[in-house]
Protein backbone atom coordinates (compact mmCIF):
# COMPACT_ATOMS: atom_id res chain seq x y z
CA MET A 1 -40.90 2.85 -126.84
CA THR A 2 -43.99 0.51 -128.07
CA CYS A 3 -45.34 -2.74 -126.34
CA PRO A 4 -44.88 -5.74 -127.93
CA THR A 5 -47.98 -7.40 -127.16
CA CYS A 6 -50.44 -4.62 -128.78
CA LYS A 7 -48.07 -1.95 -129.89
CA ALA A 8 -49.39 1.05 -127.02
CA LEU A 9 -46.90 3.72 -126.76
CA LEU A 10 -45.28 3.55 -123.17
CA HIS A 11 -45.83 6.49 -121.20
CA GLU A 12 -43.62 5.80 -117.86
CA PRO A 13 -40.29 3.76 -119.67
CA GLN A 14 -40.18 2.78 -115.43
CA SER A 15 -42.74 0.65 -115.40
CA ARG A 16 -43.04 -3.12 -113.76
CA PHE A 17 -43.85 -4.74 -116.94
CA LEU A 18 -41.46 -3.41 -119.72
CA PRO A 19 -40.92 -4.06 -122.21
CA PHE A 20 -44.87 -4.45 -121.72
CA CYS A 21 -47.41 -1.69 -120.89
CA SER A 22 -49.42 -3.83 -118.36
CA GLU A 23 -49.31 -7.12 -116.37
CA ARG A 24 -51.92 -8.48 -118.81
CA CYS A 25 -49.85 -7.41 -122.16
CA GLN A 26 -47.22 -9.80 -120.04
CA TRP A 27 -49.25 -12.50 -119.70
CA LEU A 28 -50.87 -12.59 -122.89
CA ASP A 29 -47.00 -12.79 -124.22
CA LEU A 30 -46.20 -16.15 -121.81
CA SER A 31 -49.47 -17.07 -122.74
CA ARG A 32 -48.21 -17.18 -126.28
CA TRP A 33 -44.51 -18.61 -125.72
CA LEU A 34 -46.38 -21.64 -123.77
CA ALA A 35 -49.07 -22.10 -126.97
CA GLU A 36 -45.36 -22.37 -128.58
CA ASP A 37 -46.91 -19.06 -131.28
CA TYR A 38 -43.14 -18.11 -130.84
CA ARG A 39 -40.29 -19.73 -131.64
CA VAL A 40 -36.24 -19.72 -131.24
CA ALA A 41 -34.70 -20.50 -135.41
CA ASP A 42 -32.00 -22.50 -135.26
CA PRO A 43 -29.46 -20.25 -136.64
CA GLN A 44 -27.00 -23.11 -138.08
CA GLU A 45 -28.98 -26.31 -139.31
CA SER A 46 -26.16 -29.55 -138.72
CA PRO A 47 -24.54 -30.41 -141.14
CA PRO A 48 -25.99 -33.37 -142.81
CA TRP A 49 -23.11 -36.02 -141.74
CA PRO A 50 -20.62 -36.90 -144.47
CA GLU A 51 -21.25 -40.86 -146.21
CA GLU A 52 -19.23 -42.89 -145.05
CA GLU A 53 -17.09 -44.13 -147.98
CA LYS A 54 -17.83 -47.75 -149.90
CA ASP A 55 -15.69 -49.95 -151.37
CA GLY A 56 -16.58 -50.73 -154.74
């Protein structure tokens, strides 16, 4: 398993910082979320509202 922040190989799979290798990488990841560097994509965009039919 590798750390998602620094890509280091994790030697201790029982680490308390999983999935990170260290507390530093854990904090770096959190700071990126708080700075909105990461975003969760909307799986589906809302469908457009149907246009109202106009009497002509």
